Amino acid sequence: MHAESHCKMKNAAGIDIGSGKPWVAIPVDRDEKPVRRFGCFTADLHAMAAWLKECDIETVDMESTGVYWIPVSG
């Protein structure tokens, strides 16, 4: 990233969802570990949502292949 780059959405996260476990990235100033991988079961998705709330995330952008995004968006 260039020094002159500006963040347009300061409370946003990115989620990459494929056939494996989803990767989630948040702004680096929100947590000591700003990129995490979560499991695919309901409890894992609840943990992901709780972490995003703890980090004051208001919106997410998802990238997904196939229909793997459906449980996360639910």
C-alpha atoms as a PDB file:
ATOM      1  CA  MET A   1       0.000   0.000   0.000  1.00  0.00           C
ATOM      2  CA  HIS A   2       1.243   3.447  -0.824  1.00  0.00           C
ATOM      3  CA  ALA A   3       1.719   6.007   1.940  1.00  0.00           C
ATOM      4  CA  GLU A   4      -0.713   8.350   0.210  1.00  0.00           C
ATOM      5  CA  SER A   5      -3.482   5.733   0.076  1.00  0.00           C
ATOM      6  CA  HIS A   6      -6.581   6.556   2.061  1.00  0.00           C
ATOM      7  CA  CYS A   7      -9.055   4.174   3.594  1.00  0.00           C
ATOM      8  CA  LYS A   8     -12.552   4.966   2.381  1.00  0.00           C
ATOM      9  CA  MET A   9     -14.411   2.685   4.797  1.00  0.00           C
ATOM     10  CA  LYS A  10     -12.608   2.629   8.130  1.00  0.00           C
ATOM     11  CA  ASN A  11     -14.995   0.127   9.750  1.00  0.00           C
ATOM     12  CA  ALA A  12     -14.953  -2.484   6.987  1.00  0.00           C
ATOM     13  CA  ALA A  13     -13.624  -6.034   6.856  1.00  0.00           C
ATOM     14  CA  GLY A  14     -12.885  -8.387   3.984  1.00  0.00           C
ATOM     15  CA  ILE A  15     -13.869 -12.063   3.978  1.00  0.00           C
ATOM     16  CA  ASP A  16     -12.486 -14.591   1.489  1.00  0.00           C
ATOM     17  CA  ILE A  17     -14.665 -17.681   1.362  1.00  0.00           C
ATOM     18  CA  GLY A  18     -13.856 -20.829  -0.575  1.00  0.00           C
ATOM     19  CA  SER A  19     -14.273 -24.548  -0.083  1.00  0.00           C
ATOM     20  CA  GLY A  20     -12.025 -24.333   2.980  1.00  0.00           C
ATOM     21  CA  LYS A  21     -12.219 -22.149   6.038  1.00  0.00           C
ATOM     22  CA  PRO A  22     -12.932 -18.433   5.529  1.00  0.00           C
ATOM     23  CA  TRP A  23     -10.165 -15.856   5.934  1.00  0.00           C
ATOM     24  CA  VAL A  24     -11.168 -12.546   7.513  1.00  0.00           C
ATOM     25  CA  ALA A  25      -9.154  -9.311   7.469  1.00  0.00           C
ATOM     26  CA  ILE A  26      -9.846  -6.153   9.444  1.00  0.00           C
ATOM     27  CA  PRO A  27      -7.968  -2.832   9.704  1.00  0.00           C
ATOM     28  CA  VAL A  28      -4.548  -3.419  11.294  1.00  0.00           C
ATOM     29  CA  ASP A  29      -5.209  -1.034  14.180  1.00  0.00           C
ATOM     30  CA  ARG A  30      -8.206  -3.049  15.482  1.00  0.00           C
ATOM     31  CA  ASP A  31      -6.511  -6.209  16.772  1.00  0.00           C
ATOM     32  CA  GLU A  32      -3.049  -7.679  17.328  1.00  0.00           C
ATOM     33  CA  LYS A  33      -3.949 -10.361  14.790  1.00  0.00           C
ATOM     34  CA  PRO A  34      -5.904  -8.518  12.055  1.00  0.00           C
ATOM     35  CA  VAL A  35      -6.126 -11.525   9.718  1.00  0.00           C
ATOM     36  CA  ARG A  36      -7.762 -14.689  11.031  1.00  0.00           C
ATOM     37  CA  ARG A  37      -9.125 -17.943   9.719  1.00  0.00           C
ATOM     38  CA  PHE A  38     -12.384 -19.282  11.108  1.00  0.00           C
ATOM     39  CA  GLY A  39     -14.044 -22.671  10.869  1.00  0.00           C
ATOM     40  CA  CYS A  40     -17.176 -23.471   8.915  1.00  0.00           C
ATOM     41  CA  PHE A  41     -19.491 -24.686  11.667  1.00  0.00           C
ATOM     42  CA  THR A  42     -22.207 -22.556  13.271  1.00  0.00           C
ATOM     43  CA  ALA A  43     -20.165 -21.937  16.435  1.00  0.00           C
ATOM     44  CA  ASP A  44     -17.213 -20.789  14.286  1.00  0.00           C
ATOM     45  CA  LEU A  45     -19.399 -18.370  12.342  1.00  0.00           C
ATOM     46  CA  HIS A  46     -20.792 -16.974  15.600  1.00  0.00           C
ATOM     47  CA  ALA A  47     -17.198 -16.519  16.827  1.00  0.00           C
ATOM     48  CA  MET A  48     -16.346 -14.666  13.607  1.00  0.00           C
ATOM     49  CA  ALA A  49     -19.367 -12.368  14.030  1.00  0.00           C
ATOM     50  CA  ALA A  50     -18.467 -11.708  17.683  1.00  0.00           C
ATOM     51  CA  TRP A  51     -14.877 -10.835  16.741  1.00  0.00           C
ATOM     52  CA  LEU A  52     -16.049  -8.454  14.007  1.00  0.00           C
ATOM     53  CA  LYS A  53     -18.380  -6.736  16.486  1.00  0.00           C
ATOM     54  CA  GLU A  54     -15.591  -6.482  19.094  1.00  0.00           C
ATOM     55  CA  CYS A  55     -13.436  -4.792  16.461  1.00  0.00           C
ATOM     56  CA  ASP A  56     -16.200  -2.257  15.622  1.00  0.00           C
ATOM     57  CA  ILE A  57     -16.681  -3.575  12.083  1.00  0.00           C
ATOM     58  CA  GLU A  58     -19.841  -2.204  10.479  1.00  0.00           C
ATOM     59  CA  THR A  59     -19.648  -3.669   6.973  1.00  0.00           C
ATOM     60  CA  VAL A  60     -17.924  -6.504   5.148  1.00  0.00           C
ATOM     61  CA  ASP A  61     -16.979  -7.237   1.580  1.00  0.00           C
ATOM     62  CA  MET A  62     -17.058 -10.935   0.681  1.00  0.00           C
ATOM     63  CA  GLU A  63     -15.329 -12.789  -2.114  1.00  0.00           C
ATOM     64  CA  SER A  64     -16.617 -16.306  -2.628  1.00  0.00           C
ATOM     65  CA  THR A  65     -16.560 -19.169  -5.048  1.00  0.00           C
ATOM     66  CA  GLY A  66     -19.676 -21.232  -5.598  1.00  0.00           C
ATOM     67  CA  VAL A  67     -22.314 -21.181  -2.862  1.00  0.00           C
ATOM     68  CA  TYR A  68     -19.916 -21.163   0.103  1.00  0.00           C
ATOM     69  CA  TRP A  69     -20.987 -17.607   1.032  1.00  0.00           C
ATOM     70  CA  ILE A  70     -24.528 -18.612   2.001  1.00  0.00           C
ATOM     71  CA  PRO A  71     -23.868 -19.674   5.647  1.00  0.00           C
ATOM     72  CA  VAL A  72     -21.802 -16.536   6.292  1.00  0.00           C
ATOM     73  CA  SER A  73     -24.421 -14.153   4.936  1.00  0.00           C
ATOM     74  CA  GLY A  74     -27.278 -15.807   6.816  1.00  0.00           C
END
